[in-house]
Amino acid sequence: MAIRYDKMFHLLESRGLTNTYWLRQQGVHPATVNKLRKGERVNTDTIELLCKLLQCQPGDIMEYIPEEKESTEG
């Protein structure tokens, strides 16, 4: 999971919105909400919709977390 959407869920919570219910009310498909929760890939149309709904920038709702490489010492 290189992309996380924790920032979006914190933003929703800070605005007093019940995250999954509010997102679905705004037209975000339940399967997409599940992908966001799991940090799975969503398309740029979804990112654009979320930014429009929340009046924010992509960096306000998502962040890149580099995956740790396994050590190959030997």
N, C-alpha and C. Protein backbone atom coordinates (compact mmCIF):
# COMPACT_ATOMS: atom_id res chain seq x y z
N MET A 1 0.84 -1.18 0.00
CA MET A 1 0.00 0.00 0.00
C MET A 1 0.88 1.24 0.00
N ALA A 2 1.18 1.77 -1.14
CA ALA A 2 2.03 2.94 -1.23
C ALA A 2 1.26 4.24 -1.06
N ILE A 3 -0.04 4.24 -1.36
CA ILE A 3 -0.87 5.43 -1.20
C ILE A 3 -1.85 5.19 -0.06
N ARG A 4 -1.94 6.17 0.82
CA ARG A 4 -2.88 6.08 1.94
C ARG A 4 -3.84 7.27 1.87
N TYR A 5 -5.06 7.01 2.27
CA TYR A 5 -6.09 8.04 2.26
C TYR A 5 -6.53 8.40 3.67
N ASP A 6 -5.69 8.11 4.66
CA ASP A 6 -6.00 8.43 6.05
C ASP A 6 -6.29 9.92 6.22
N LYS A 7 -5.56 10.75 5.49
CA LYS A 7 -5.76 12.20 5.59
C LYS A 7 -7.20 12.58 5.21
N MET A 8 -7.76 11.89 4.22
CA MET A 8 -9.12 12.18 3.80
C MET A 8 -10.11 11.82 4.90
N PHE A 9 -9.92 10.66 5.51
CA PHE A 9 -10.84 10.23 6.56
C PHE A 9 -10.73 11.13 7.78
N HIS A 10 -9.54 11.62 8.09
CA HIS A 10 -9.36 12.58 9.19
C HIS A 10 -10.04 13.90 8.85
N LEU A 11 -9.92 14.32 7.58
CA LEU A 11 -10.56 15.55 7.14
C LEU A 11 -12.08 15.45 7.27
N LEU A 12 -12.63 14.34 6.82
CA LEU A 12 -14.07 14.12 6.94
C LEU A 12 -14.50 14.17 8.41
N GLU A 13 -13.75 13.49 9.26
CA GLU A 13 -14.08 13.45 10.68
C GLU A 13 -14.01 14.84 11.30
N SER A 14 -13.00 15.61 10.93
CA SER A 14 -12.86 16.96 11.48
C SER A 14 -14.00 17.88 11.06
N ARG A 15 -14.64 17.54 9.95
CA ARG A 15 -15.79 18.32 9.48
C ARG A 15 -17.11 17.77 9.99
N GLY A 16 -17.03 16.73 10.82
CA GLY A 16 -18.24 16.16 11.41
C GLY A 16 -19.06 15.32 10.45
N LEU A 17 -18.40 14.79 9.43
CA LEU A 17 -19.10 13.98 8.43
C LEU A 17 -18.90 12.50 8.73
N THR A 18 -19.98 11.74 8.65
CA THR A 18 -19.87 10.30 8.79
C THR A 18 -19.30 9.79 7.48
N ASN A 19 -18.01 9.46 7.48
CA ASN A 19 -17.27 9.28 6.25
C ASN A 19 -17.89 8.37 5.21
N THR A 20 -18.12 7.13 5.49
CA THR A 20 -18.59 6.25 4.42
C THR A 20 -20.00 6.62 3.98
N TYR A 21 -20.85 6.97 4.90
CA TYR A 21 -22.23 7.33 4.55
C TYR A 21 -22.24 8.61 3.71
N TRP A 22 -21.50 9.62 4.14
CA TRP A 22 -21.48 10.89 3.42
C TRP A 22 -20.91 10.71 2.02
N LEU A 23 -19.84 9.94 1.90
CA LEU A 23 -19.25 9.70 0.58
C LEU A 23 -20.24 9.03 -0.35
N ARG A 24 -20.96 8.03 0.17
CA ARG A 24 -21.95 7.35 -0.67
C ARG A 24 -23.08 8.29 -1.06
N GLN A 25 -23.49 9.16 -0.13
CA GLN A 25 -24.54 10.14 -0.45
C GLN A 25 -24.10 11.07 -1.58
N GLN A 26 -22.81 11.32 -1.66
CA GLN A 26 -22.27 12.23 -2.67
C GLN A 26 -21.99 11.54 -4.00
N GLY A 27 -22.30 10.25 -4.10
CA GLY A 27 -22.14 9.54 -5.37
C GLY A 27 -20.90 8.69 -5.48
N VAL A 28 -20.15 8.54 -4.39
CA VAL A 28 -18.98 7.67 -4.43
C VAL A 28 -19.45 6.24 -4.20
N HIS A 29 -19.15 5.36 -5.12
CA HIS A 29 -19.60 3.97 -5.06
C HIS A 29 -19.05 3.28 -3.82
N PRO A 30 -19.86 2.44 -3.16
CA PRO A 30 -19.38 1.72 -1.96
C PRO A 30 -18.09 0.93 -2.19
N ALA A 31 -17.93 0.34 -3.37
CA ALA A 31 -16.70 -0.40 -3.66
C ALA A 31 -15.49 0.54 -3.68
N THR A 32 -15.71 1.76 -4.15
CA THR A 32 -14.62 2.75 -4.17
C THR A 32 -14.27 3.18 -2.75
N VAL A 33 -15.28 3.35 -1.91
CA VAL A 33 -15.04 3.70 -0.51
C VAL A 33 -14.20 2.61 0.15
N ASN A 34 -14.52 1.35 -0.13
CA ASN A 34 -13.74 0.24 0.42
C ASN A 34 -12.29 0.28 -0.08
N LYS A 35 -12.10 0.61 -1.35
CA LYS A 35 -10.74 0.73 -1.89
C LYS A 35 -9.98 1.83 -1.16
N LEU A 36 -10.64 2.94 -0.91
CA LEU A 36 -9.99 4.04 -0.20
C LEU A 36 -9.58 3.62 1.21
N ARG A 37 -10.45 2.90 1.88
CA ARG A 37 -10.16 2.43 3.24
C ARG A 37 -8.95 1.49 3.25
N LYS A 38 -8.84 0.67 2.21
CA LYS A 38 -7.76 -0.32 2.15
C LYS A 38 -6.49 0.24 1.52
N GLY A 39 -6.53 1.47 1.04
CA GLY A 39 -5.37 2.06 0.39
C GLY A 39 -5.11 1.47 -0.98
N GLU A 40 -6.17 0.98 -1.62
CA GLU A 40 -6.03 0.41 -2.96
C GLU A 40 -6.11 1.52 -4.01
N ARG A 41 -5.76 1.18 -5.22
CA ARG A 41 -5.76 2.15 -6.31
C ARG A 41 -7.17 2.58 -6.68
N VAL A 42 -7.30 3.88 -6.89
CA VAL A 42 -8.52 4.45 -7.45
C VAL A 42 -8.09 5.35 -8.61
N ASN A 43 -9.00 5.61 -9.53
CA ASN A 43 -8.62 6.38 -10.70
C ASN A 43 -8.62 7.88 -10.41
N THR A 44 -8.06 8.63 -11.31
CA THR A 44 -7.95 10.07 -11.11
C THR A 44 -9.31 10.77 -11.13
N ASP A 45 -10.29 10.19 -11.78
CA ASP A 45 -11.64 10.76 -11.75
C ASP A 45 -12.17 10.74 -10.32
N THR A 46 -11.86 9.68 -9.58
CA THR A 46 -12.29 9.58 -8.19
C THR A 46 -11.57 10.63 -7.34
N ILE A 47 -10.27 10.78 -7.54
CA ILE A 47 -9.50 11.79 -6.80
C ILE A 47 -10.07 13.18 -7.10
N GLU A 48 -10.36 13.43 -8.36
CA GLU A 48 -10.93 14.72 -8.75
C GLU A 48 -12.28 14.96 -8.06
N LEU A 49 -13.14 13.95 -8.04
CA LEU A 49 -14.44 14.07 -7.39
C LEU A 49 -14.28 14.36 -5.89
N LEU A 50 -13.37 13.63 -5.24
CA LEU A 50 -13.16 13.84 -3.82
C LEU A 50 -12.66 15.25 -3.54
N CYS A 51 -11.74 15.74 -4.35
CA CYS A 51 -11.23 17.10 -4.17
C CYS A 51 -12.33 18.13 -4.38
N LYS A 52 -13.18 17.88 -5.36
CA LYS A 52 -14.29 18.79 -5.62
C LYS A 52 -15.26 18.80 -4.44
N LEU A 53 -15.61 17.63 -3.94
CA LEU A 53 -16.55 17.52 -2.83
C LEU A 53 -16.01 18.15 -1.56
N LEU A 54 -14.72 17.96 -1.32
CA LEU A 54 -14.11 18.43 -0.09
C LEU A 54 -13.45 19.80 -0.24
N GLN A 55 -13.45 20.33 -1.47
CA GLN A 55 -12.82 21.61 -1.78
C GLN A 55 -11.39 21.65 -1.25
N CYS A 56 -10.60 20.71 -1.77
CA CYS A 56 -9.22 20.59 -1.32
C CYS A 56 -8.33 20.13 -2.47
N GLN A 57 -7.07 19.96 -2.19
CA GLN A 57 -6.09 19.49 -3.16
C GLN A 57 -5.79 18.00 -2.89
N PRO A 58 -5.29 17.26 -3.90
CA PRO A 58 -5.00 15.84 -3.71
C PRO A 58 -4.12 15.55 -2.49
N GLY A 59 -3.15 16.40 -2.24
CA GLY A 59 -2.26 16.20 -1.09
C GLY A 59 -2.97 16.34 0.25
N ASP A 60 -4.16 16.94 0.24
CA ASP A 60 -4.94 17.07 1.47
C ASP A 60 -5.67 15.78 1.83
N ILE A 61 -5.80 14.87 0.86
CA ILE A 61 -6.57 13.65 1.11
C ILE A 61 -5.76 12.36 0.98
N MET A 62 -4.57 12.46 0.43
CA MET A 62 -3.78 11.25 0.22
C MET A 62 -2.30 11.53 0.42
N GLU A 63 -1.55 10.48 0.71
CA GLU A 63 -0.10 10.62 0.84
C GLU A 63 0.58 9.35 0.37
N TYR A 64 1.78 9.55 -0.14
CA TYR A 64 2.60 8.44 -0.61
C TYR A 64 3.46 7.95 0.55
N ILE A 65 3.39 6.66 0.82
CA ILE A 65 4.20 6.03 1.85
C ILE A 65 5.09 5.01 1.15
N PRO A 66 6.38 5.27 1.06
CA PRO A 66 7.27 4.31 0.38
C PRO A 66 7.27 2.97 1.11
N GLU A 67 7.25 1.92 0.33
CA GLU A 67 7.32 0.58 0.91
C GLU A 67 8.76 0.30 1.30
N GLU A 68 8.94 -0.32 2.44
CA GLU A 68 10.29 -0.66 2.89
C GLU A 68 10.81 -1.84 2.10
N LYS A 69 12.06 -1.71 1.66
CA LYS A 69 12.70 -2.80 0.92
C LYS A 69 13.27 -3.80 1.92
N GLU A 70 13.14 -5.06 1.56
CA GLU A 70 13.70 -6.11 2.42
C GLU A 70 15.22 -6.10 2.28
N SER A 71 15.87 -6.29 3.37
CA SER A 71 17.33 -6.34 3.38
C SER A 71 17.79 -7.65 2.74
N THR A 72 18.81 -7.56 1.87
CA THR A 72 19.33 -8.74 1.21
C THR A 72 20.79 -8.95 1.60
N GLU A 73 21.04 -8.80 2.87
CA GLU A 73 22.42 -9.00 3.36
C GLU A 73 22.74 -10.48 3.32
N GLY A 74 23.95 -10.80 3.02
CA GLY A 74 24.25 -12.21 3.01
C GLY A 74 25.61 -12.49 2.90
